[in-house]
Amino acid sequence: MVEGGPIDVLTGDWLAELTMLILAGNRLKGRPGYARTFLTQVEQVLGTCLDRGIKIVSNAGGLDPAGCARAVSKLAGRLGLSARVAHVTGDDLAGRDLGDLVNLDTGERLDAAPLTANAYLGGRPIAVALESGADVVVTGRVTDAALVTGPGMWRYGWRPGDLDALAGSVVAGHVIECGCQATGGNYAFFTEVPDLAHCGFPIAELHADGTCVITKHPGTGGEVSVGTVTAQLLYEIGSPRYLGPDATARFDTIRLTQEGPDRVRVSGVRGEAPPDTLKVAVNHLGGYRNTMTLVLTGLDIEAKARLAEESVFARVPREAFDQVHVELTPLGAPEGSLALLRITVMDADRNRAGRAFSSAVVETGLAGYPGFYGLTPPGDASAYGVYWPAAVPRRAVQAEVWSGDDLVWREPPALPVDRPATAVPLGGPDHGPSGEAGVDRGVVAPLGSVAGARSGDKGGNANLGVWVRTAEEYAWLEAFLTVERLQALLPATAALRVDRHRLPNLLALNFVVHGLLGRGVAASPRLDAQAKSLGEELRACLVPIPL
């Protein structure tokens, strides 16, 4: 990114929901609470960035932005460079009395001690840090999009009321936050992407009105197309009303235009006032878990799976554990002759979930199904964390900007933002029309022959975005792919609440599957704990497609 062409700001997003839990574990072991790999990359480019006036903005500070900033300053000194390093704090709410923390997904009240609790800050403190002359800005938990919104505020002077411009920058940040996923990485139609093995990272050319052009450096692999940008826009979202601390971006107003090779213009984004609360990512210890994976081969796969399960729980009763999850995954061998059987137990008692369980699985080896072998040796249980999304009043959080040990800025009390009438009405989730004539007729083929998909995790929920390329295909998709149809095609979703949201400007539908991932990635017993493959599973389903 630094050597391939001109850029003004180099951003880096290090913090997934799971990362905060990992960093907490590192800190408990005496390791840094920030992303150490950030320092490796800074060392490679800091000198060039200082020479060219390129700002570096990253949330790699994790649970210790001050420590990360000190490490960057120390690194600069070792390299003989003079770099002004600022850091942002105020997101860490651990140890504070936050009252009842209600789970945003389930409505439950937290009754466990938080291990981490971090509010999602916006771009304003990043803008202040840049205005103060910082060359490198390190933050803790900010929204992914804030890494773009903050520099936009700095460059164009956006104020809280500039909602459309702010919302446009939120969309730009969402597009580039996952790197190559906007330039052909993880793309449903990946065979159409040139030189994906050397994929270039995306660039957002952000304008004063909040519009942007997504592009990449010349000579790099991958591509920037309406399709690749659409795929990333659908990644890990919920309602078309995309909430954030700086603005609420209306994803149903986004318009994409292929402006030229590897250049997609993003325009039309309408913004609404941000909510009066800030999202807080809480993690707490959930207990202990253990997984054993057995391979089933040949004939009678389902009967072998039943016998394996019965044999294990004849030795350690199923009722002894807080939770048991059994997952049979066919591997697509001829005539379904190969599958994985994963048995996961979870319990507050480490010993119960440990060797007592895993040894019992191995003990069935000579008294169970033919062809028995496993992929996991018997082992002890490991601790797991539970992700708990909550919200607190904005006034309960006060961001601060520091330069070394000097306080540069403390966020003033939150002021009310004018809330203009919504320019485009937004309906609630729908199930889609039922019984529409013609949607069940056509040539039976994989859904993926006409539709792309991208899926991911949102706490304990999964999102699944599906898009097509023409208005005619969208008319069919909207009528055909109802919630009921999706649940029939993906049996794992059948007993769960599923919301469907229409995004006609993107020729897309977005489904939110509530509770598919249980208590979040760290606690999910699923083989695909982040629902990354859910979209591809749907695309492989055979459906009638009109000629």
Protein backbone atom coordinates (compact mmCIF):
# COMPACT_ATOMS: atom_id res chain seq x y z
CA MET A 1 0.00 0.00 0.00
CA VAL A 2 2.82 2.40 0.82
CA GLU A 3 5.06 1.61 -2.15
CA GLY A 4 2.41 0.87 -4.79
CA GLY A 5 1.10 4.38 -5.35
CA PRO A 6 -0.02 7.57 -3.63
CA ILE A 7 -2.08 7.36 -0.45
CA ASP A 8 -2.71 9.85 2.36
CA VAL A 9 -3.68 7.58 5.24
CA LEU A 10 -2.71 3.97 5.88
CA THR A 11 -5.34 2.22 8.01
CA GLY A 12 -5.22 -1.10 9.79
CA ASP A 13 -8.10 -2.94 11.47
CA TRP A 14 -6.85 -5.45 14.04
CA LEU A 15 -9.90 -5.97 16.24
CA ALA A 16 -12.50 -8.62 15.55
CA GLU A 17 -15.00 -9.37 18.31
CA LEU A 18 -12.93 -12.42 19.26
CA THR A 19 -9.68 -10.45 19.37
CA MET A 20 -10.47 -8.63 22.61
CA LEU A 21 -10.90 -11.98 24.36
CA ILE A 22 -7.61 -13.24 22.92
CA LEU A 23 -5.82 -10.09 24.06
CA ALA A 24 -7.33 -10.49 27.53
CA GLY A 25 -5.89 -13.99 27.66
CA ASN A 26 -2.50 -12.66 26.57
CA ARG A 27 -2.59 -10.01 29.28
CA LEU A 28 -3.39 -12.60 31.95
CA LYS A 29 -0.27 -14.48 30.82
CA GLY A 30 1.90 -11.36 31.16
CA ARG A 31 1.95 -10.57 27.45
CA PRO A 32 1.02 -7.24 25.85
CA GLY A 33 -2.67 -6.39 25.56
CA TYR A 34 -2.19 -4.97 22.07
CA ALA A 35 -1.55 -6.48 18.63
CA ARG A 36 2.20 -7.04 18.43
CA THR A 37 2.07 -7.82 14.70
CA PHE A 38 1.19 -4.15 14.17
CA LEU A 39 4.71 -3.23 15.27
CA THR A 40 6.20 -5.63 12.73
CA GLN A 41 4.38 -3.88 9.91
CA VAL A 42 5.06 -0.39 11.25
CA GLU A 43 8.77 -1.15 11.30
CA GLN A 44 8.62 -1.94 7.57
CA VAL A 45 6.94 1.30 6.50
CA LEU A 46 7.31 3.99 9.18
CA GLY A 47 10.28 5.73 7.57
CA THR A 48 8.64 5.90 4.17
CA CYS A 49 5.35 7.09 5.65
CA LEU A 50 7.10 9.92 7.50
CA ASP A 51 8.99 10.93 4.35
CA ARG A 52 5.80 11.02 2.28
CA GLY A 53 3.49 12.48 4.90
CA ILE A 54 1.35 9.34 5.07
CA LYS A 55 -0.59 9.10 8.33
CA ILE A 56 -0.97 5.70 10.04
CA VAL A 57 -4.27 5.04 11.84
CA SER A 58 -4.96 1.70 13.53
CA ASN A 59 -7.00 0.15 16.32
CA ALA A 60 -4.15 -2.24 17.11
CA GLY A 61 -3.99 -0.79 20.63
CA GLY A 62 -6.61 -3.31 21.69
CA LEU A 63 -6.78 -3.39 25.49
CA ASP A 64 -3.66 -1.23 25.92
CA PRO A 65 -3.47 1.62 23.40
CA ALA A 66 -1.06 3.55 25.65
CA GLY A 67 1.31 0.59 25.75
CA CYS A 68 1.08 0.17 22.00
CA ALA A 69 1.79 3.87 21.44
CA ARG A 70 4.86 3.66 23.71
CA ALA A 71 6.06 0.64 21.74
CA VAL A 72 5.67 2.55 18.46
CA SER A 73 7.61 5.51 19.87
CA LYS A 74 10.35 3.18 21.10
CA LEU A 75 10.47 1.52 17.69
CA ALA A 76 10.78 4.89 15.96
CA GLY A 77 13.67 5.84 18.26
CA ARG A 78 15.44 2.58 17.51
CA LEU A 79 15.08 3.32 13.79
CA GLY A 80 16.43 6.84 14.25
CA LEU A 81 13.09 8.40 13.31
CA SER A 82 11.11 11.21 14.90
CA ALA A 83 7.43 10.28 14.91
CA ARG A 84 4.57 11.96 16.77
CA VAL A 85 2.45 9.15 18.18
CA ALA A 86 -0.99 9.76 19.67
CA HIS A 87 -3.33 7.27 21.26
CA VAL A 88 -7.03 7.20 22.07
CA THR A 89 -8.48 5.90 25.32
CA GLY A 90 -11.88 5.91 26.99
CA ASP A 91 -13.35 2.80 25.41
CA ASP A 92 -12.28 0.46 28.23
CA LEU A 93 -15.15 0.24 30.71
CA ALA A 94 -13.96 -2.82 32.64
CA GLY A 95 -14.22 -2.39 36.37
CA ARG A 96 -16.87 0.31 36.16
CA ASP A 97 -20.40 -0.02 37.45
CA LEU A 98 -22.35 -0.20 34.20
CA GLY A 99 -25.65 -1.25 35.74
CA ASP A 100 -27.65 -3.98 34.06
CA LEU A 101 -25.97 -5.02 30.82
CA VAL A 102 -28.79 -6.35 28.66
CA ASN A 103 -27.78 -8.60 25.79
CA LEU A 104 -28.78 -6.80 22.58
CA ASP A 105 -29.53 -10.10 20.85
CA THR A 106 -31.32 -12.11 23.53
CA GLY A 107 -32.59 -9.58 26.09
CA GLU A 108 -30.89 -11.44 28.95
CA ARG A 109 -29.20 -9.59 31.80
CA LEU A 110 -25.55 -10.28 32.47
CA ASP A 111 -24.95 -12.12 35.74
CA ALA A 112 -21.23 -12.84 35.28
CA ALA A 113 -18.16 -10.70 35.92
CA PRO A 114 -16.91 -9.09 32.69
CA LEU A 115 -13.39 -9.99 31.63
CA THR A 116 -13.40 -7.17 29.10
CA ALA A 117 -15.88 -4.39 28.39
CA ASN A 118 -15.13 -1.96 25.59
CA ALA A 119 -17.36 0.67 24.03
CA TYR A 120 -17.21 1.22 20.28
CA LEU A 121 -15.89 4.77 19.84
CA GLY A 122 -16.30 6.76 16.64
CA GLY A 123 -13.98 8.77 14.44
CA ARG A 124 -13.96 12.09 16.30
CA PRO A 125 -10.99 11.33 18.61
CA ILE A 126 -9.00 10.08 15.62
CA ALA A 127 -9.69 13.36 13.83
CA VAL A 128 -8.57 15.31 16.90
CA ALA A 129 -5.36 13.29 17.10
CA LEU A 130 -4.59 14.02 13.45
CA GLU A 131 -5.42 17.70 13.92
CA SER A 132 -2.91 17.80 16.77
CA GLY A 133 -0.17 16.75 14.35
CA ALA A 134 0.09 13.02 15.02
CA ASP A 135 1.89 10.90 12.45
CA VAL A 136 0.61 7.66 13.99
CA VAL A 137 -2.72 7.25 15.79
CA VAL A 138 -3.31 4.14 17.88
CA THR A 139 -6.74 3.39 19.32
CA GLY A 140 -8.44 0.73 21.35
CA ARG A 141 -11.95 -0.41 20.46
CA VAL A 142 -13.39 1.87 17.82
CA THR A 143 -15.78 0.88 15.07
CA ASP A 144 -14.01 -0.57 12.07
CA ALA A 145 -15.36 2.26 9.92
CA ALA A 146 -14.03 4.92 12.33
CA LEU A 147 -10.56 4.33 10.89
CA VAL A 148 -11.86 5.97 7.71
CA THR A 149 -14.48 8.32 9.18
CA GLY A 150 -11.91 9.91 11.51
CA PRO A 151 -9.48 10.88 8.73
CA GLY A 152 -12.47 12.17 6.73
CA MET A 153 -13.45 14.44 9.61
CA TRP A 154 -9.87 15.66 9.84
CA ARG A 155 -9.49 16.37 6.13
CA TYR A 156 -12.92 17.89 5.41
CA GLY A 157 -13.94 19.35 8.76
CA TRP A 158 -17.19 17.41 9.04
CA ARG A 159 -19.27 18.27 12.07
CA PRO A 160 -21.85 16.07 13.85
CA GLY A 161 -24.67 17.43 11.69
CA ASP A 162 -23.03 16.46 8.38
CA LEU A 163 -24.87 13.16 8.49
CA ASP A 164 -24.84 12.25 4.79
CA ALA A 165 -21.10 12.84 4.48
CA LEU A 166 -20.41 10.96 7.69
CA ALA A 167 -22.63 8.08 6.60
CA GLY A 168 -20.83 7.93 3.27
CA SER A 169 -17.49 7.62 5.06
CA VAL A 170 -18.94 4.86 7.27
CA VAL A 171 -19.81 2.93 4.11
CA ALA A 172 -16.33 3.56 2.68
CA GLY A 173 -14.82 2.27 5.91
CA HIS A 174 -17.01 -0.81 5.86
CA VAL A 175 -15.90 -1.60 2.30
CA ILE A 176 -12.15 -1.45 2.96
CA GLU A 177 -12.04 -2.68 6.57
CA CYS A 178 -11.52 -6.33 5.56
CA GLY A 179 -8.77 -5.71 3.05
CA CYS A 180 -8.86 -7.98 0.03
CA GLN A 181 -12.48 -8.98 0.60
CA ALA A 182 -13.31 -5.85 -1.44
CA THR A 183 -10.89 -6.70 -4.25
CA GLY A 184 -11.86 -10.29 -5.00
CA GLY A 185 -10.91 -12.16 -1.84
CA ASN A 186 -13.53 -14.67 -0.61
CA TYR A 187 -15.62 -13.68 -3.63
CA ALA A 188 -18.40 -16.05 -4.72
CA PHE A 189 -17.39 -15.76 -8.38
CA PHE A 190 -13.69 -16.11 -7.61
CA THR A 191 -12.91 -17.84 -10.91
CA GLU A 192 -13.62 -14.51 -12.64
CA VAL A 193 -11.00 -12.66 -10.55
CA PRO A 194 -7.56 -12.28 -12.17
CA ASP A 195 -4.38 -13.11 -10.24
CA LEU A 196 -6.14 -13.57 -6.93
CA ALA A 197 -2.97 -15.07 -5.44
CA HIS A 198 -1.41 -11.58 -5.55
CA CYS A 199 -4.55 -9.66 -4.62
CA GLY A 200 -4.14 -5.93 -4.05
CA PHE A 201 -5.67 -4.15 -1.07
CA PRO A 202 -8.51 -1.66 -1.53
CA ILE A 203 -8.21 2.12 -1.46
CA ALA A 204 -11.07 4.50 -0.72
CA GLU A 205 -10.74 7.84 -2.50
CA LEU A 206 -12.95 9.80 -0.11
CA HIS A 207 -14.52 13.12 -1.14
CA ALA A 208 -15.85 16.05 0.85
CA ASP A 209 -19.49 15.06 0.27
CA GLY A 210 -18.91 11.54 1.60
CA THR A 211 -18.95 9.85 -1.79
CA CYS A 212 -15.96 7.71 -2.62
CA VAL A 213 -14.32 5.63 -5.29
CA ILE A 214 -13.04 2.19 -4.32
CA THR A 215 -9.93 1.24 -6.24
CA LYS A 216 -6.55 -0.44 -5.80
CA HIS A 217 -2.97 0.16 -6.87
CA PRO A 218 -2.13 -0.64 -10.51
CA GLY A 219 -0.21 -3.81 -11.13
CA THR A 220 -1.78 -5.71 -8.25
CA GLY A 221 -3.97 -8.79 -8.59
CA GLY A 222 -7.66 -9.09 -7.90
CA GLU A 223 -10.27 -6.66 -9.14
CA VAL A 224 -12.59 -3.92 -7.95
CA SER A 225 -16.03 -4.38 -9.44
CA VAL A 226 -19.62 -3.69 -8.50
CA GLY A 227 -19.77 -7.36 -7.55
CA THR A 228 -16.73 -7.39 -5.26
CA VAL A 229 -17.85 -4.19 -3.53
CA THR A 230 -21.42 -5.50 -3.17
CA ALA A 231 -20.11 -8.68 -1.56
CA GLN A 232 -18.21 -6.72 1.08
CA LEU A 233 -21.12 -4.34 1.71
CA LEU A 234 -23.23 -7.39 2.61
CA TYR A 235 -20.62 -8.75 5.02
CA GLU A 236 -21.60 -8.90 8.69
CA ILE A 237 -24.49 -6.46 8.57
CA GLY A 238 -28.02 -6.60 9.93
CA SER A 239 -30.77 -4.11 9.17
CA PRO A 240 -30.23 -1.63 6.32
CA ARG A 241 -30.07 0.99 9.05
CA TYR A 242 -26.38 0.53 9.96
CA LEU A 243 -25.88 2.08 13.40
CA GLY A 244 -22.67 3.82 14.39
CA PRO A 245 -21.42 6.39 16.90
CA ASP A 246 -20.90 9.06 14.23
CA ALA A 247 -23.93 8.48 12.02
CA THR A 248 -26.48 5.87 11.06
CA ALA A 249 -25.77 4.89 7.46
CA ARG A 250 -28.70 3.81 5.32
CA PHE A 251 -27.36 0.85 3.35
CA ASP A 252 -30.59 0.77 1.33
CA THR A 253 -29.61 4.12 -0.25
CA ILE A 254 -26.17 3.04 -1.49
CA ARG A 255 -25.60 3.24 -5.24
CA LEU A 256 -22.67 1.58 -6.98
CA THR A 257 -21.35 2.55 -10.41
CA GLN A 258 -18.51 0.93 -12.35
CA GLU A 259 -16.58 4.06 -13.27
CA GLY A 260 -13.73 2.28 -15.03
CA PRO A 261 -11.42 -0.71 -14.63
CA ASP A 262 -10.93 -1.34 -10.90
CA ARG A 263 -12.88 1.80 -10.01
CA VAL A 264 -16.32 1.67 -8.35
CA ARG A 265 -18.08 4.85 -7.27
CA VAL A 266 -20.13 4.67 -4.07
CA SER A 267 -22.74 7.42 -3.86
CA GLY A 268 -26.23 8.29 -2.68
CA VAL A 269 -25.67 7.29 0.95
CA ARG A 270 -28.12 8.97 3.29
CA GLY A 271 -27.29 9.47 6.92
CA GLU A 272 -29.39 9.67 10.03
CA ALA A 273 -28.46 10.69 13.57
CA PRO A 274 -26.51 8.15 15.60
CA PRO A 275 -28.27 6.43 18.49
CA ASP A 276 -28.13 7.85 22.01
CA THR A 277 -26.22 4.77 23.14
CA LEU A 278 -22.88 3.19 22.32
CA LYS A 279 -22.48 -0.51 21.72
CA VAL A 280 -20.27 -2.27 24.25
CA ALA A 281 -18.45 -5.53 23.56
CA VAL A 282 -18.35 -7.53 26.79
CA ASN A 283 -16.55 -10.84 27.22
CA HIS A 284 -16.82 -13.08 30.24
CA LEU A 285 -15.58 -16.55 31.03
CA GLY A 286 -18.22 -19.13 30.17
CA GLY A 287 -16.69 -22.35 31.44
CA TYR A 288 -14.74 -25.17 29.81
CA ARG A 289 -15.14 -27.07 26.58
CA ASN A 290 -13.73 -30.11 24.87
CA THR A 291 -14.24 -31.44 21.35
CA MET A 292 -13.50 -34.84 19.90
CA THR A 293 -13.75 -35.43 16.16
CA LEU A 294 -14.34 -38.90 14.72
CA VAL A 295 -14.16 -39.96 11.07
CA LEU A 296 -16.95 -42.09 9.60
CA THR A 297 -16.20 -43.96 6.38
CA GLY A 298 -18.01 -46.24 3.97
CA LEU A 299 -21.57 -47.47 4.28
CA ASP A 300 -24.28 -46.63 6.83
CA ILE A 301 -22.80 -43.26 7.83
CA GLU A 302 -25.82 -42.12 9.83
CA ALA A 303 -26.13 -45.44 11.65
CA LYS A 304 -22.44 -45.32 12.55
CA ALA A 305 -22.88 -41.79 13.88
CA ARG A 306 -25.79 -42.89 16.08
CA LEU A 307 -23.76 -45.80 17.44
CA ALA A 308 -20.74 -43.58 18.13
CA GLU A 309 -22.87 -41.08 20.03
CA GLU A 310 -24.66 -43.79 22.04
CA SER A 311 -21.36 -45.46 22.92
CA VAL A 312 -19.78 -42.27 24.21
CA PHE A 313 -22.74 -41.25 26.36
CA ALA A 314 -23.07 -44.74 27.76
CA ARG A 315 -19.71 -44.06 29.44
CA VAL A 316 -20.23 -40.39 30.38
CA PRO A 317 -23.94 -39.49 30.64
CA ARG A 318 -25.05 -36.66 28.41
CA GLU A 319 -26.97 -35.17 31.34
CA ALA A 320 -23.72 -34.68 33.27
CA PHE A 321 -22.72 -31.72 31.08
CA ASP A 322 -24.12 -28.20 30.94
CA GLN A 323 -24.23 -28.40 27.13
CA VAL A 324 -23.65 -31.06 24.49
CA HIS A 325 -23.38 -30.36 20.78
CA VAL A 326 -23.15 -33.10 18.15
CA GLU A 327 -22.48 -32.21 14.52
CA LEU A 328 -22.34 -34.63 11.58
CA THR A 329 -20.64 -33.09 8.54
CA PRO A 330 -20.59 -35.03 5.24
CA LEU A 331 -17.37 -34.41 3.32
CA GLY A 332 -18.76 -34.92 -0.16
CA ALA A 333 -17.02 -38.19 -0.92
CA PRO A 334 -18.73 -40.50 -3.48
CA GLU A 335 -22.21 -41.50 -2.31
CA GLY A 336 -21.70 -39.74 1.02
CA SER A 337 -19.14 -42.28 2.18
CA LEU A 338 -17.08 -39.95 4.35
CA ALA A 339 -18.14 -37.65 7.21
CA LEU A 340 -16.88 -36.01 10.39
CA LEU A 341 -18.65 -36.47 13.69
CA ARG A 342 -17.79 -33.69 16.16
CA ILE A 343 -18.91 -34.10 19.75
CA THR A 344 -18.44 -31.03 21.95
CA VAL A 345 -19.21 -30.84 25.66
CA MET A 346 -19.28 -27.63 27.72
CA ASP A 347 -19.35 -27.41 31.48
CA ALA A 348 -18.45 -25.21 34.43
CA ASP A 349 -16.36 -28.09 35.82
CA ARG A 350 -13.04 -28.39 33.98
CA ASN A 351 -12.48 -31.97 35.11
CA ARG A 352 -15.88 -33.13 33.91
CA ALA A 353 -15.33 -31.64 30.44
CA GLY A 354 -11.70 -32.75 30.32
CA ARG A 355 -10.13 -36.19 30.27
CA ALA A 356 -13.23 -37.81 31.69
CA PHE A 357 -14.94 -37.01 28.39
CA SER A 358 -12.14 -37.33 25.84
CA SER A 359 -10.86 -40.61 27.26
CA ALA A 360 -14.39 -42.03 27.16
CA VAL A 361 -14.52 -41.30 23.42
CA VAL A 362 -11.27 -43.17 22.79
CA GLU A 363 -12.47 -46.11 24.90
CA THR A 364 -15.22 -46.77 22.33
CA GLY A 365 -12.65 -47.45 19.62
CA LEU A 366 -12.64 -51.24 19.91
CA ALA A 367 -16.31 -51.57 20.80
CA GLY A 368 -17.99 -49.28 18.34
CA TYR A 369 -18.48 -48.71 14.63
CA PRO A 370 -16.22 -50.29 11.99
CA GLY A 371 -13.43 -48.13 10.62
CA PHE A 372 -13.14 -46.05 13.80
CA TYR A 373 -10.45 -43.40 13.91
CA GLY A 374 -10.28 -39.88 15.26
CA LEU A 375 -8.66 -36.60 14.34
CA THR A 376 -8.15 -35.39 17.91
CA PRO A 377 -6.21 -37.13 20.67
CA PRO A 378 -7.73 -37.26 24.14
CA GLY A 379 -6.97 -34.03 25.94
CA ASP A 380 -7.95 -31.67 28.70
CA ALA A 381 -10.72 -29.09 28.48
CA SER A 382 -9.96 -25.48 27.65
CA ALA A 383 -11.59 -22.31 28.93
CA TYR A 384 -13.93 -20.47 26.60
CA GLY A 385 -15.35 -16.98 26.64
CA VAL A 386 -18.82 -15.65 25.99
CA TYR A 387 -19.40 -12.55 23.88
CA TRP A 388 -22.09 -10.27 25.29
CA PRO A 389 -23.17 -7.31 23.14
CA ALA A 390 -24.72 -4.54 25.20
CA ALA A 391 -25.27 -0.78 25.11
CA VAL A 392 -24.60 2.10 27.48
CA PRO A 393 -25.65 5.77 27.32
CA ARG A 394 -23.25 7.90 25.31
CA ARG A 395 -22.77 10.16 28.33
CA ALA A 396 -21.24 7.21 30.21
CA VAL A 397 -18.27 7.13 27.83
CA GLN A 398 -15.69 9.87 27.44
CA ALA A 399 -12.96 9.47 24.85
CA GLU A 400 -9.53 10.99 25.43
CA VAL A 401 -6.63 11.73 23.09
CA TRP A 402 -3.09 11.53 24.41
CA SER A 403 0.32 12.42 23.02
CA GLY A 404 2.75 10.52 25.15
CA ASP A 405 1.80 11.36 28.75
CA ASP A 406 0.06 14.60 27.76
CA LEU A 407 -3.72 14.80 27.55
CA VAL A 408 -4.54 16.55 24.27
CA TRP A 409 -8.35 16.38 24.35
CA ARG A 410 -11.18 15.09 26.44
CA GLU A 411 -14.52 14.53 24.74
CA PRO A 412 -17.11 17.08 25.84
CA PRO A 413 -20.54 15.92 27.05
CA ALA A 414 -22.59 14.46 24.22
CA LEU A 415 -24.80 17.06 22.58
CA PRO A 416 -28.13 16.16 21.00
CA VAL A 417 -28.00 15.85 17.21
CA ASP A 418 -30.89 17.10 15.11
CA ARG A 419 -32.88 14.14 13.94
CA PRO A 420 -34.42 15.08 10.60
CA ALA A 421 -37.25 13.03 9.22
CA THR A 422 -36.06 9.92 7.47
CA ALA A 423 -35.68 10.73 3.78
CA VAL A 424 -36.42 7.17 2.71
CA PRO A 425 -38.88 5.13 4.80
CA LEU A 426 -37.50 1.88 6.09
CA GLY A 427 -39.76 -1.06 6.74
CA GLY A 428 -39.01 -3.84 9.17
CA PRO A 429 -37.74 -7.29 8.26
CA ASP A 430 -39.98 -9.31 5.98
CA HIS A 431 -40.43 -12.94 5.07
CA GLY A 432 -40.98 -12.24 1.39
CA PRO A 433 -44.02 -12.95 -0.75
CA SER A 434 -45.41 -16.45 -0.69
CA GLY A 435 -47.01 -18.44 -3.43
CA GLU A 436 -46.00 -16.06 -6.23
CA ALA A 437 -46.66 -17.64 -9.59
CA GLY A 438 -43.69 -18.89 -11.55
CA VAL A 439 -41.02 -18.79 -8.88
CA ASP A 440 -40.96 -22.57 -8.56
CA ARG A 441 -40.61 -23.28 -12.27
CA GLY A 442 -37.40 -23.47 -14.24
CA VAL A 443 -34.27 -25.51 -14.77
CA VAL A 444 -32.96 -27.13 -11.61
CA ALA A 445 -29.45 -25.83 -10.96
CA PRO A 446 -27.31 -24.59 -8.06
CA LEU A 447 -28.50 -21.24 -6.73
CA GLY A 448 -24.89 -20.11 -7.06
CA SER A 449 -25.08 -20.32 -10.83
CA VAL A 450 -26.91 -16.97 -10.75
CA ALA A 451 -26.42 -15.64 -7.19
CA GLY A 452 -23.45 -14.66 -5.13
CA ALA A 453 -23.39 -14.84 -1.33
CA ARG A 454 -21.27 -13.78 1.60
CA SER A 455 -21.81 -14.72 5.22
CA GLY A 456 -20.24 -14.03 8.59
CA ASP A 457 -20.72 -13.66 12.31
CA LYS A 458 -22.38 -10.93 14.35
CA GLY A 459 -21.96 -12.12 17.91
CA GLY A 460 -24.21 -15.15 18.35
CA ASN A 461 -26.02 -14.37 15.10
CA ALA A 462 -24.99 -15.03 11.52
CA ASN A 463 -25.66 -12.86 8.52
CA LEU A 464 -26.08 -14.15 4.99
CA GLY A 465 -26.15 -11.69 2.10
CA VAL A 466 -27.29 -12.89 -1.33
CA TRP A 467 -27.07 -10.82 -4.50
CA VAL A 468 -27.58 -11.13 -8.24
CA ARG A 469 -26.42 -9.06 -11.20
CA THR A 470 -29.52 -7.92 -13.08
CA ALA A 471 -32.86 -6.36 -12.21
CA GLU A 472 -34.65 -9.33 -13.77
CA GLU A 473 -32.73 -11.79 -11.59
CA TYR A 474 -33.45 -9.68 -8.52
CA ALA A 475 -37.18 -9.73 -9.19
CA TRP A 476 -37.01 -13.52 -9.21
CA LEU A 477 -34.69 -13.74 -6.17
CA GLU A 478 -36.89 -11.45 -4.08
CA ALA A 479 -39.96 -13.55 -4.82
CA PHE A 480 -38.25 -16.92 -4.53
CA LEU A 481 -35.86 -16.70 -1.59
CA THR A 482 -38.24 -16.19 1.30
CA VAL A 483 -37.35 -16.91 4.91
CA GLU A 484 -39.25 -20.19 4.70
CA ARG A 485 -37.35 -21.17 1.56
CA LEU A 486 -34.01 -20.33 3.13
CA GLN A 487 -34.85 -22.43 6.18
CA ALA A 488 -35.82 -25.36 3.96
CA LEU A 489 -32.55 -25.11 2.02
CA LEU A 490 -30.42 -24.69 5.17
CA PRO A 491 -31.85 -27.06 7.81
CA ALA A 492 -29.56 -25.69 10.53
CA THR A 493 -31.58 -22.46 10.40
CA ALA A 494 -35.04 -24.09 10.44
CA ALA A 495 -35.72 -23.76 14.17
CA LEU A 496 -34.21 -20.29 14.51
CA ARG A 497 -35.57 -16.80 14.02
CA VAL A 498 -34.53 -15.44 10.64
CA ASP A 499 -35.00 -11.83 9.49
CA ARG A 500 -34.94 -10.88 5.82
CA HIS A 501 -33.98 -7.37 4.67
CA ARG A 502 -34.31 -6.05 1.12
CA LEU A 503 -31.51 -4.00 -0.50
CA PRO A 504 -32.88 -3.37 -4.00
CA ASN A 505 -30.20 -0.80 -4.90
CA LEU A 506 -27.64 -3.57 -4.46
CA LEU A 507 -29.90 -6.24 -6.04
CA ALA A 508 -29.49 -8.06 -2.75
CA LEU A 509 -31.23 -9.64 0.20
CA ASN A 510 -29.69 -9.90 3.65
CA PHE A 511 -30.73 -12.58 6.12
CA VAL A 512 -29.93 -12.46 9.84
CA VAL A 513 -30.03 -15.87 11.50
CA HIS A 514 -30.47 -15.34 15.22
CA GLY A 515 -28.64 -17.65 17.61
CA LEU A 516 -26.93 -19.84 15.01
CA LEU A 517 -23.56 -19.27 16.70
CA GLY A 518 -24.83 -19.55 20.26
CA ARG A 519 -22.86 -17.28 22.59
CA GLY A 520 -20.47 -16.00 19.96
CA VAL A 521 -17.43 -17.31 18.14
CA ALA A 522 -15.40 -18.25 21.21
CA ALA A 523 -18.27 -20.29 22.64
CA SER A 524 -19.70 -21.69 19.41
CA PRO A 525 -19.31 -25.48 19.09
CA ARG A 526 -19.98 -25.42 15.33
CA LEU A 527 -17.28 -26.62 12.95
CA ASP A 528 -17.75 -23.30 11.13
CA ALA A 529 -17.89 -21.16 14.26
CA GLN A 530 -17.99 -17.87 12.31
CA ALA A 531 -20.54 -18.91 9.66
CA LYS A 532 -18.07 -18.06 6.91
CA SER A 533 -19.22 -20.96 4.73
CA LEU A 534 -22.97 -20.51 5.20
CA GLY A 535 -23.29 -18.53 1.98
CA GLU A 536 -21.44 -21.10 -0.07
CA GLU A 537 -23.57 -23.84 1.43
CA LEU A 538 -26.65 -21.98 0.22
CA ARG A 539 -25.19 -21.41 -3.25
CA ALA A 540 -24.67 -25.16 -3.64
CA CYS A 541 -28.37 -25.89 -3.10
CA LEU A 542 -30.31 -27.02 -6.17
CA VAL A 543 -33.29 -24.77 -6.97
CA PRO A 544 -35.53 -24.17 -10.01
CA ILE A 545 -34.12 -21.20 -11.92
CA PRO A 546 -36.17 -19.57 -14.73
CA LEU A 547 -34.63 -19.70 -18.17
